[in-house]
């Protein structure tokens, strides 16, 4: 597996993963319209202080996607997605470890954070298994979301696991 900066084409290919507005909004947040429109979709993904990455298999097939953001004075993970054909293979762990490794190169002293919908039990179980804990939400409270954080030391430990599972290339 390899974690690479996402190309525009790879980012646009994500649009076909969503069959309705609810699925698109749960993944991407507010601001996405359904059906996705090319320019608007890419503008929503390519926000300032946000970097997009893809996890590819040995044949360069797109398996997963995630973003690193400079948010809340943390290394914030966003829009994490394991594509349907690869779900159930525990790829969220290698994806998150590799994203943490890339993020710590940019922000070496920061904690990590992410949001997850309360009803997304598979993702929530994965984040808890990796050591994330629920923390008070920054900004306005949303009952449908959990804000989760991971200490800098725990982030470093997970990032150290990335090379055994994932080759990280072109992360900065």
N, C-alpha and C. Protein backbone atom coordinates (compact mmCIF):
# COMPACT_ATOMS: atom_id res chain seq x y z
N UNK A 1 0.84 -1.18 0.00
CA UNK A 1 0.00 0.00 0.00
C UNK A 1 0.88 1.23 0.00
N UNK A 2 0.33 2.31 -0.54
CA UNK A 2 1.07 3.55 -0.62
C UNK A 2 0.12 4.72 -0.39
N UNK A 3 0.54 5.67 0.44
CA UNK A 3 -0.20 6.91 0.66
C UNK A 3 0.44 8.00 -0.18
N UNK A 4 -0.37 8.62 -1.04
CA UNK A 4 0.11 9.68 -1.92
C UNK A 4 -0.81 10.88 -1.86
N UNK A 5 -0.28 12.05 -2.20
CA UNK A 5 -1.15 13.22 -2.37
C UNK A 5 -2.14 12.89 -3.47
N UNK A 6 -3.38 13.23 -3.25
CA UNK A 6 -4.45 12.93 -4.21
C UNK A 6 -4.38 13.88 -5.40
N UNK A 7 -4.54 13.32 -6.58
CA UNK A 7 -4.64 14.14 -7.77
C UNK A 7 -6.07 14.68 -7.89
N UNK A 8 -6.25 15.66 -8.72
CA UNK A 8 -7.59 16.20 -8.97
C UNK A 8 -8.50 15.10 -9.52
N UNK A 9 -7.99 14.26 -10.40
CA UNK A 9 -8.79 13.18 -10.97
C UNK A 9 -9.22 12.18 -9.89
N UNK A 10 -8.33 11.84 -8.98
CA UNK A 10 -8.68 10.93 -7.89
C UNK A 10 -9.72 11.56 -6.98
N UNK A 11 -9.59 12.85 -6.71
CA UNK A 11 -10.57 13.52 -5.87
C UNK A 11 -11.94 13.51 -6.55
N UNK A 12 -12.00 13.82 -7.83
CA UNK A 12 -13.27 13.83 -8.54
C UNK A 12 -13.89 12.43 -8.59
N UNK A 13 -13.05 11.39 -8.67
CA UNK A 13 -13.58 10.02 -8.73
C UNK A 13 -14.36 9.65 -7.47
N UNK A 14 -14.12 10.35 -6.37
CA UNK A 14 -14.85 10.08 -5.14
C UNK A 14 -16.33 10.40 -5.28
N UNK A 15 -16.68 11.33 -6.15
CA UNK A 15 -18.07 11.75 -6.30
C UNK A 15 -18.98 10.59 -6.65
N UNK A 16 -18.47 9.61 -7.37
CA UNK A 16 -19.31 8.47 -7.77
C UNK A 16 -19.60 7.50 -6.62
N UNK A 17 -19.00 7.73 -5.47
CA UNK A 17 -19.23 6.86 -4.31
C UNK A 17 -20.53 7.17 -3.58
N UNK A 18 -21.17 8.27 -3.93
CA UNK A 18 -22.32 8.73 -3.16
C UNK A 18 -23.60 8.69 -4.00
N UNK A 19 -24.59 7.94 -3.48
CA UNK A 19 -25.84 7.73 -4.21
C UNK A 19 -26.92 8.72 -3.85
N UNK A 20 -26.74 9.47 -2.75
CA UNK A 20 -27.76 10.43 -2.34
C UNK A 20 -27.13 11.53 -1.51
N UNK A 21 -27.93 12.56 -1.26
CA UNK A 21 -27.42 13.72 -0.54
C UNK A 21 -27.02 13.36 0.89
N UNK A 22 -27.74 12.43 1.52
CA UNK A 22 -27.42 12.05 2.90
C UNK A 22 -26.03 11.42 2.99
N UNK A 23 -25.73 10.52 2.08
CA UNK A 23 -24.41 9.86 2.10
C UNK A 23 -23.30 10.87 1.82
N UNK A 24 -23.53 11.76 0.87
CA UNK A 24 -22.53 12.78 0.54
C UNK A 24 -22.31 13.74 1.70
N UNK A 25 -23.39 14.16 2.35
CA UNK A 25 -23.27 15.09 3.48
C UNK A 25 -22.62 14.42 4.68
N UNK A 26 -22.94 13.15 4.93
CA UNK A 26 -22.33 12.46 6.06
C UNK A 26 -20.83 12.35 5.87
N UNK A 27 -20.38 12.15 4.66
CA UNK A 27 -18.95 12.05 4.40
C UNK A 27 -18.29 13.43 4.35
N UNK A 28 -18.86 14.32 3.55
CA UNK A 28 -18.17 15.56 3.25
C UNK A 28 -18.57 16.76 4.10
N UNK A 29 -19.71 16.65 4.78
CA UNK A 29 -20.18 17.78 5.56
C UNK A 29 -21.09 18.67 4.73
N UNK A 30 -21.51 19.73 5.37
CA UNK A 30 -22.40 20.67 4.70
C UNK A 30 -21.65 21.39 3.58
N UNK A 31 -22.38 21.80 2.59
CA UNK A 31 -21.77 22.53 1.48
C UNK A 31 -21.70 21.73 0.20
N UNK A 32 -21.81 20.42 0.28
CA UNK A 32 -21.81 19.60 -0.92
C UNK A 32 -23.23 19.51 -1.46
N UNK A 33 -23.38 19.60 -2.76
CA UNK A 33 -24.70 19.45 -3.38
C UNK A 33 -24.76 18.11 -4.10
N UNK A 34 -25.97 17.60 -4.19
CA UNK A 34 -26.18 16.34 -4.90
C UNK A 34 -27.13 16.58 -6.05
N UNK A 35 -26.86 16.05 -7.22
CA UNK A 35 -25.65 15.31 -7.55
C UNK A 35 -24.43 16.24 -7.60
N UNK A 36 -23.25 15.66 -7.31
CA UNK A 36 -22.04 16.50 -7.29
C UNK A 36 -21.77 17.13 -8.65
N UNK A 37 -21.37 18.38 -8.60
CA UNK A 37 -20.94 19.10 -9.80
C UNK A 37 -19.43 19.25 -9.72
N UNK A 38 -18.77 18.99 -10.81
CA UNK A 38 -17.31 18.88 -10.85
C UNK A 38 -16.60 20.01 -10.13
N UNK A 39 -16.78 21.22 -10.57
CA UNK A 39 -16.03 22.36 -10.00
C UNK A 39 -16.38 22.58 -8.53
N UNK A 40 -17.68 22.54 -8.21
CA UNK A 40 -18.09 22.75 -6.81
C UNK A 40 -17.56 21.66 -5.90
N UNK A 41 -17.62 20.42 -6.34
CA UNK A 41 -17.13 19.30 -5.55
C UNK A 41 -15.65 19.48 -5.24
N UNK A 42 -14.88 19.80 -6.26
CA UNK A 42 -13.44 19.97 -6.06
C UNK A 42 -13.13 21.18 -5.19
N UNK A 43 -13.89 22.25 -5.33
CA UNK A 43 -13.67 23.43 -4.47
C UNK A 43 -13.93 23.08 -3.01
N UNK A 44 -14.94 22.28 -2.74
CA UNK A 44 -15.23 21.88 -1.36
C UNK A 44 -14.10 21.01 -0.79
N UNK A 45 -13.49 20.19 -1.63
CA UNK A 45 -12.39 19.34 -1.17
C UNK A 45 -11.08 20.10 -1.02
N UNK A 46 -10.86 21.08 -1.87
CA UNK A 46 -9.58 21.75 -1.92
C UNK A 46 -9.61 23.06 -1.14
N UNK A 47 -9.93 22.94 0.14
CA UNK A 47 -10.01 24.10 1.02
C UNK A 47 -8.60 24.54 1.46
N UNK A 48 -8.44 25.81 1.85
CA UNK A 48 -7.14 26.25 2.36
C UNK A 48 -6.72 25.41 3.58
N UNK A 49 -5.43 25.23 3.73
CA UNK A 49 -4.86 24.49 4.87
C UNK A 49 -5.38 23.05 4.95
N UNK A 50 -5.73 22.47 3.79
CA UNK A 50 -6.23 21.10 3.72
C UNK A 50 -5.48 20.37 2.62
N UNK A 51 -4.98 19.18 2.95
CA UNK A 51 -4.28 18.36 1.98
C UNK A 51 -5.00 17.02 1.85
N UNK A 52 -5.20 16.59 0.62
CA UNK A 52 -5.91 15.34 0.34
C UNK A 52 -4.93 14.24 -0.03
N UNK A 53 -5.22 13.04 0.48
CA UNK A 53 -4.37 11.87 0.25
C UNK A 53 -5.21 10.68 -0.17
N UNK A 54 -4.57 9.78 -0.91
CA UNK A 54 -5.20 8.52 -1.29
C UNK A 54 -4.31 7.37 -0.84
N UNK A 55 -4.96 6.29 -0.49
CA UNK A 55 -4.27 5.04 -0.17
C UNK A 55 -4.49 4.13 -1.37
N UNK A 56 -3.38 3.71 -1.99
CA UNK A 56 -3.44 2.89 -3.19
C UNK A 56 -2.89 1.50 -2.90
N UNK A 57 -3.43 0.50 -3.61
CA UNK A 57 -2.87 -0.85 -3.47
C UNK A 57 -1.67 -0.99 -4.41
N UNK A 58 -1.12 -2.18 -4.49
CA UNK A 58 0.08 -2.43 -5.29
C UNK A 58 -0.15 -2.16 -6.77
N UNK A 59 -1.42 -2.28 -7.22
CA UNK A 59 -1.74 -2.04 -8.63
C UNK A 59 -2.22 -0.62 -8.89
N UNK A 60 -2.06 0.25 -7.89
CA UNK A 60 -2.44 1.66 -7.96
C UNK A 60 -3.95 1.87 -7.97
N UNK A 61 -4.71 0.88 -7.46
CA UNK A 61 -6.15 1.05 -7.30
C UNK A 61 -6.42 1.88 -6.06
N UNK A 62 -7.35 2.81 -6.16
CA UNK A 62 -7.73 3.67 -5.05
C UNK A 62 -8.54 2.85 -4.04
N UNK A 63 -8.02 2.75 -2.80
CA UNK A 63 -8.68 1.99 -1.75
C UNK A 63 -9.32 2.90 -0.71
N UNK A 64 -8.69 4.04 -0.43
CA UNK A 64 -9.17 4.90 0.64
C UNK A 64 -8.70 6.33 0.39
N UNK A 65 -9.36 7.25 1.09
CA UNK A 65 -9.09 8.68 0.94
C UNK A 65 -9.15 9.32 2.32
N UNK A 66 -8.37 10.37 2.51
CA UNK A 66 -8.43 11.14 3.75
C UNK A 66 -7.76 12.48 3.58
N UNK A 67 -8.12 13.40 4.48
CA UNK A 67 -7.54 14.72 4.42
C UNK A 67 -6.88 15.08 5.75
N UNK A 68 -5.83 15.88 5.64
CA UNK A 68 -5.16 16.50 6.79
C UNK A 68 -5.49 17.98 6.76
N UNK A 69 -5.89 18.50 7.89
CA UNK A 69 -6.29 19.90 7.97
C UNK A 69 -5.62 20.58 9.16
N UNK A 70 -5.37 21.84 9.01
CA UNK A 70 -4.90 22.69 10.10
C UNK A 70 -6.14 23.31 10.73
N UNK A 71 -6.72 22.61 11.73
CA UNK A 71 -7.96 23.05 12.37
C UNK A 71 -7.85 22.87 13.89
N UNK A 72 -8.42 23.79 14.62
CA UNK A 72 -8.55 23.70 16.07
C UNK A 72 -7.19 23.58 16.76
N UNK A 73 -6.13 24.11 16.16
CA UNK A 73 -4.76 23.96 16.66
C UNK A 73 -4.40 22.49 16.80
N UNK A 74 -4.95 21.68 15.92
CA UNK A 74 -4.68 20.24 15.92
C UNK A 74 -4.37 19.78 14.50
N UNK A 75 -3.82 18.62 14.41
CA UNK A 75 -3.66 17.89 13.17
C UNK A 75 -5.02 17.20 12.98
N UNK A 76 -5.87 17.78 12.17
CA UNK A 76 -7.26 17.30 12.07
C UNK A 76 -7.41 16.40 10.85
N UNK A 77 -7.98 15.23 11.07
CA UNK A 77 -8.27 14.29 9.99
C UNK A 77 -9.71 14.50 9.55
N UNK A 78 -9.93 14.51 8.25
CA UNK A 78 -11.27 14.79 7.74
C UNK A 78 -11.56 13.94 6.52
N UNK A 79 -12.86 13.79 6.25
CA UNK A 79 -13.36 13.12 5.05
C UNK A 79 -12.66 11.79 4.79
N UNK A 80 -12.57 11.01 5.84
CA UNK A 80 -11.98 9.68 5.73
C UNK A 80 -12.97 8.77 5.03
N UNK A 81 -12.47 8.00 4.08
CA UNK A 81 -13.35 7.11 3.31
C UNK A 81 -12.57 5.89 2.86
N UNK A 82 -13.08 4.72 3.20
CA UNK A 82 -12.60 3.48 2.60
C UNK A 82 -13.63 3.11 1.54
N UNK A 83 -13.19 2.93 0.31
CA UNK A 83 -14.13 2.65 -0.77
C UNK A 83 -14.84 1.31 -0.52
N UNK A 84 -16.07 1.20 -0.98
CA UNK A 84 -16.90 0.02 -0.67
C UNK A 84 -16.23 -1.32 -0.96
N UNK A 85 -15.51 -1.44 -2.05
CA UNK A 85 -14.87 -2.73 -2.38
C UNK A 85 -13.80 -3.14 -1.37
N UNK A 86 -13.35 -2.21 -0.55
CA UNK A 86 -12.26 -2.49 0.39
C UNK A 86 -12.70 -2.46 1.84
N UNK A 87 -13.98 -2.23 2.09
CA UNK A 87 -14.46 -2.18 3.47
C UNK A 87 -14.40 -3.57 4.09
N UNK A 88 -14.26 -3.58 5.41
CA UNK A 88 -14.16 -4.84 6.13
C UNK A 88 -12.76 -5.42 6.15
N UNK A 89 -11.80 -4.73 5.57
CA UNK A 89 -10.42 -5.20 5.53
C UNK A 89 -9.52 -4.45 6.52
N UNK A 90 -10.13 -3.69 7.41
CA UNK A 90 -9.42 -2.92 8.42
C UNK A 90 -8.38 -1.97 7.82
N UNK A 91 -8.78 -1.30 6.76
CA UNK A 91 -7.89 -0.34 6.13
C UNK A 91 -7.89 1.02 6.81
N UNK A 92 -8.88 1.28 7.65
CA UNK A 92 -8.90 2.58 8.33
C UNK A 92 -7.67 2.73 9.23
N UNK A 93 -7.20 1.66 9.82
CA UNK A 93 -6.00 1.74 10.66
C UNK A 93 -4.77 2.16 9.88
N UNK A 94 -4.41 1.45 8.81
CA UNK A 94 -3.26 1.90 8.01
C UNK A 94 -3.44 3.29 7.43
N UNK A 95 -4.66 3.63 7.01
CA UNK A 95 -4.92 4.97 6.47
C UNK A 95 -4.64 6.02 7.54
N UNK A 96 -5.18 5.84 8.72
CA UNK A 96 -5.01 6.83 9.78
C UNK A 96 -3.56 6.90 10.24
N UNK A 97 -2.89 5.75 10.38
CA UNK A 97 -1.47 5.76 10.76
C UNK A 97 -0.64 6.54 9.75
N UNK A 98 -0.90 6.32 8.47
CA UNK A 98 -0.14 7.01 7.43
C UNK A 98 -0.46 8.50 7.42
N UNK A 99 -1.73 8.85 7.60
CA UNK A 99 -2.09 10.27 7.66
C UNK A 99 -1.45 10.95 8.86
N UNK A 100 -1.41 10.26 10.00
CA UNK A 100 -0.76 10.83 11.18
C UNK A 100 0.73 11.03 10.92
N UNK A 101 1.37 10.07 10.27
CA UNK A 101 2.80 10.21 9.96
C UNK A 101 3.03 11.43 9.08
N UNK A 102 2.18 11.61 8.08
CA UNK A 102 2.30 12.77 7.19
C UNK A 102 2.02 14.06 7.96
N UNK A 103 0.98 14.05 8.77
CA UNK A 103 0.60 15.25 9.52
C UNK A 103 1.64 15.66 10.54
N UNK A 104 2.25 14.69 11.18
CA UNK A 104 3.27 15.03 12.18
C UNK A 104 4.53 15.62 11.55
N UNK A 105 4.74 15.36 10.27
CA UNK A 105 5.83 16.03 9.57
C UNK A 105 5.54 17.52 9.43
N UNK A 106 4.26 17.85 9.30
CA UNK A 106 3.85 19.25 9.15
C UNK A 106 3.69 19.94 10.50
N UNK A 107 3.09 19.23 11.46
CA UNK A 107 2.76 19.79 12.78
C UNK A 107 3.23 18.82 13.86
N UNK A 108 4.53 18.78 14.13
CA UNK A 108 5.09 17.73 14.99
C UNK A 108 4.64 17.75 16.45
N UNK A 109 4.13 18.84 16.95
CA UNK A 109 3.78 18.92 18.37
C UNK A 109 2.27 18.84 18.62
N UNK A 110 1.50 18.65 17.61
CA UNK A 110 0.05 18.72 17.76
C UNK A 110 -0.60 17.40 18.12
N UNK A 111 -1.73 17.51 18.80
CA UNK A 111 -2.63 16.39 18.97
C UNK A 111 -3.37 16.19 17.65
N UNK A 112 -3.98 15.03 17.50
CA UNK A 112 -4.82 14.76 16.33
C UNK A 112 -6.29 14.88 16.74
N UNK A 113 -7.13 15.15 15.77
CA UNK A 113 -8.56 15.20 16.03
C UNK A 113 -9.33 14.78 14.79
N UNK A 114 -10.60 14.48 15.00
CA UNK A 114 -11.51 14.17 13.90
C UNK A 114 -12.93 14.26 14.41
N UNK A 115 -13.86 14.38 13.50
CA UNK A 115 -15.28 14.29 13.79
C UNK A 115 -15.80 12.99 13.24
N UNK A 116 -16.80 12.42 13.90
CA UNK A 116 -17.47 11.24 13.39
C UNK A 116 -18.95 11.36 13.75
N UNK A 117 -19.82 10.93 12.83
CA UNK A 117 -21.23 10.90 13.15
C UNK A 117 -21.49 9.80 14.17
N UNK A 118 -22.30 10.10 15.16
CA UNK A 118 -22.63 9.13 16.22
C UNK A 118 -23.18 7.82 15.66
N UNK A 119 -23.92 7.91 14.56
CA UNK A 119 -24.54 6.70 14.01
C UNK A 119 -23.60 5.90 13.12
N UNK A 120 -22.38 6.35 12.92
CA UNK A 120 -21.41 5.63 12.09
C UNK A 120 -20.61 4.69 12.99
N UNK A 121 -21.26 3.62 13.41
CA UNK A 121 -20.65 2.70 14.37
C UNK A 121 -19.37 2.04 13.88
N UNK A 122 -19.27 1.61 12.62
CA UNK A 122 -17.99 1.01 12.18
C UNK A 122 -16.82 1.99 12.33
N UNK A 123 -17.02 3.23 11.93
CA UNK A 123 -15.94 4.22 12.05
C UNK A 123 -15.63 4.50 13.50
N UNK A 124 -16.67 4.67 14.31
CA UNK A 124 -16.47 4.94 15.73
C UNK A 124 -15.68 3.83 16.41
N UNK A 125 -16.02 2.58 16.12
CA UNK A 125 -15.27 1.44 16.70
C UNK A 125 -13.80 1.49 16.27
N UNK A 126 -13.57 1.81 15.02
CA UNK A 126 -12.20 1.88 14.51
C UNK A 126 -11.41 2.97 15.24
N UNK A 127 -12.00 4.15 15.39
CA UNK A 127 -11.29 5.25 16.04
C UNK A 127 -11.03 4.95 17.52
N UNK A 128 -11.99 4.34 18.18
CA UNK A 128 -11.77 3.95 19.58
C UNK A 128 -10.66 2.90 19.69
N UNK A 129 -10.66 1.95 18.78
CA UNK A 129 -9.62 0.91 18.77
C UNK A 129 -8.24 1.52 18.60
N UNK A 130 -8.15 2.62 17.85
CA UNK A 130 -6.87 3.29 17.62
C UNK A 130 -6.46 4.20 18.77
N UNK A 131 -7.38 4.45 19.70
CA UNK A 131 -7.04 5.25 20.88
C UNK A 131 -7.67 6.63 20.94
N UNK A 132 -8.46 7.00 19.95
CA UNK A 132 -9.14 8.29 19.99
C UNK A 132 -10.17 8.27 21.12
N UNK A 133 -10.36 9.43 21.75
CA UNK A 133 -11.35 9.55 22.82
C UNK A 133 -12.25 10.75 22.52
N UNK A 134 -13.49 10.64 23.00
CA UNK A 134 -14.43 11.74 22.82
C UNK A 134 -13.98 12.94 23.65
N UNK A 135 -14.05 14.10 23.04
CA UNK A 135 -13.64 15.35 23.66
C UNK A 135 -14.71 16.40 23.37
N UNK A 136 -14.78 17.40 24.22
CA UNK A 136 -15.74 18.49 24.01
C UNK A 136 -15.54 19.11 22.63
N UNK A 137 -16.63 19.31 21.92
CA UNK A 137 -16.57 19.87 20.57
C UNK A 137 -16.15 21.33 20.59
N UNK A 138 -15.25 21.71 19.68
CA UNK A 138 -14.95 23.13 19.54
C UNK A 138 -16.12 23.81 18.81
N UNK A 139 -16.38 25.03 19.12
CA UNK A 139 -17.45 25.74 18.43
C UNK A 139 -18.83 25.26 18.85
N UNK A 140 -19.78 25.47 17.97
CA UNK A 140 -21.18 25.12 18.26
C UNK A 140 -21.35 23.61 18.37
N UNK A 141 -22.07 23.19 19.40
CA UNK A 141 -22.31 21.77 19.65
C UNK A 141 -23.28 21.19 18.63
N UNK A 142 -22.97 20.00 18.15
CA UNK A 142 -23.88 19.26 17.27
C UNK A 142 -24.13 17.89 17.89
N UNK A 143 -25.38 17.60 18.16
CA UNK A 143 -25.73 16.35 18.83
C UNK A 143 -25.47 15.13 17.97
N UNK A 144 -25.43 15.28 16.66
CA UNK A 144 -25.23 14.14 15.77
C UNK A 144 -23.76 13.78 15.56
N UNK A 145 -22.85 14.60 16.10
CA UNK A 145 -21.42 14.39 15.90
C UNK A 145 -20.69 14.14 17.22
N UNK A 146 -19.60 13.40 17.11
CA UNK A 146 -18.63 13.28 18.20
C UNK A 146 -17.34 13.91 17.71
N UNK A 147 -16.69 14.66 18.59
CA UNK A 147 -15.36 15.20 18.31
C UNK A 147 -14.40 14.33 19.10
N UNK A 148 -13.41 13.78 18.41
CA UNK A 148 -12.49 12.85 19.05
C UNK A 148 -11.06 13.35 18.89
N UNK A 149 -10.25 13.11 19.91
CA UNK A 149 -8.86 13.54 19.87
C UNK A 149 -7.94 12.37 20.23
N UNK A 150 -6.70 12.55 19.86
CA UNK A 150 -5.64 11.58 20.15
C UNK A 150 -4.42 12.40 20.56
N UNK A 151 -3.84 12.07 21.69
CA UNK A 151 -2.69 12.83 22.19
C UNK A 151 -1.54 12.78 21.18
N UNK A 152 -0.63 13.72 21.33
CA UNK A 152 0.53 13.75 20.45
C UNK A 152 1.37 12.49 20.60
N UNK A 153 1.56 12.03 21.82
CA UNK A 153 2.37 10.82 22.02
C UNK A 153 1.69 9.60 21.40
N UNK A 154 0.38 9.48 21.55
CA UNK A 154 -0.34 8.36 20.93
C UNK A 154 -0.32 8.49 19.41
N UNK A 155 -0.42 9.71 18.91
CA UNK A 155 -0.33 9.94 17.46
C UNK A 155 1.02 9.48 16.94
N UNK A 156 2.08 9.81 17.69
CA UNK A 156 3.43 9.40 17.28
C UNK A 156 3.58 7.87 17.27
N UNK A 157 2.98 7.23 18.26
CA UNK A 157 3.07 5.76 18.31
C UNK A 157 2.35 5.15 17.11
N UNK A 158 1.17 5.67 16.79
CA UNK A 158 0.46 5.15 15.62
C UNK A 158 1.21 5.47 14.33
N UNK A 159 1.73 6.68 14.22
CA UNK A 159 2.48 7.07 13.02
C UNK A 159 3.69 6.16 12.81
N UNK A 160 4.29 5.73 13.90
CA UNK A 160 5.46 4.83 13.80
C UNK A 160 5.08 3.48 13.21
N UNK A 161 3.81 3.12 13.32
CA UNK A 161 3.35 1.85 12.75
C UNK A 161 3.12 1.95 11.25
N UNK A 162 3.01 3.15 10.72
CA UNK A 162 2.68 3.33 9.31
C UNK A 162 3.68 2.68 8.36
N UNK A 163 4.99 2.82 8.55
CA UNK A 163 5.91 2.25 7.57
C UNK A 163 5.78 0.74 7.40
N UNK A 164 5.36 0.02 8.43
CA UNK A 164 5.22 -1.42 8.28
C UNK A 164 4.01 -1.80 7.43
N UNK A 165 3.03 -0.91 7.36
CA UNK A 165 1.82 -1.21 6.61
C UNK A 165 1.73 -0.41 5.32
N UNK A 166 2.33 0.76 5.30
CA UNK A 166 2.10 1.68 4.20
C UNK A 166 3.37 2.43 3.87
N UNK A 167 3.68 2.57 2.60
CA UNK A 167 4.76 3.43 2.15
C UNK A 167 4.17 4.82 1.96
N UNK A 168 4.80 5.82 2.54
CA UNK A 168 4.31 7.19 2.43
C UNK A 168 5.21 7.93 1.45
N UNK A 169 4.59 8.45 0.40
CA UNK A 169 5.36 9.14 -0.63
C UNK A 169 4.76 10.49 -0.93
N UNK A 170 5.58 11.48 -1.12
CA UNK A 170 5.13 12.78 -1.55
C UNK A 170 4.16 13.46 -0.59
N UNK A 171 4.39 13.33 0.70
CA UNK A 171 3.42 13.84 1.65
C UNK A 171 3.55 15.32 1.92
N UNK A 172 4.64 15.93 1.60
CA UNK A 172 4.76 17.37 1.88
C UNK A 172 4.76 18.14 0.58
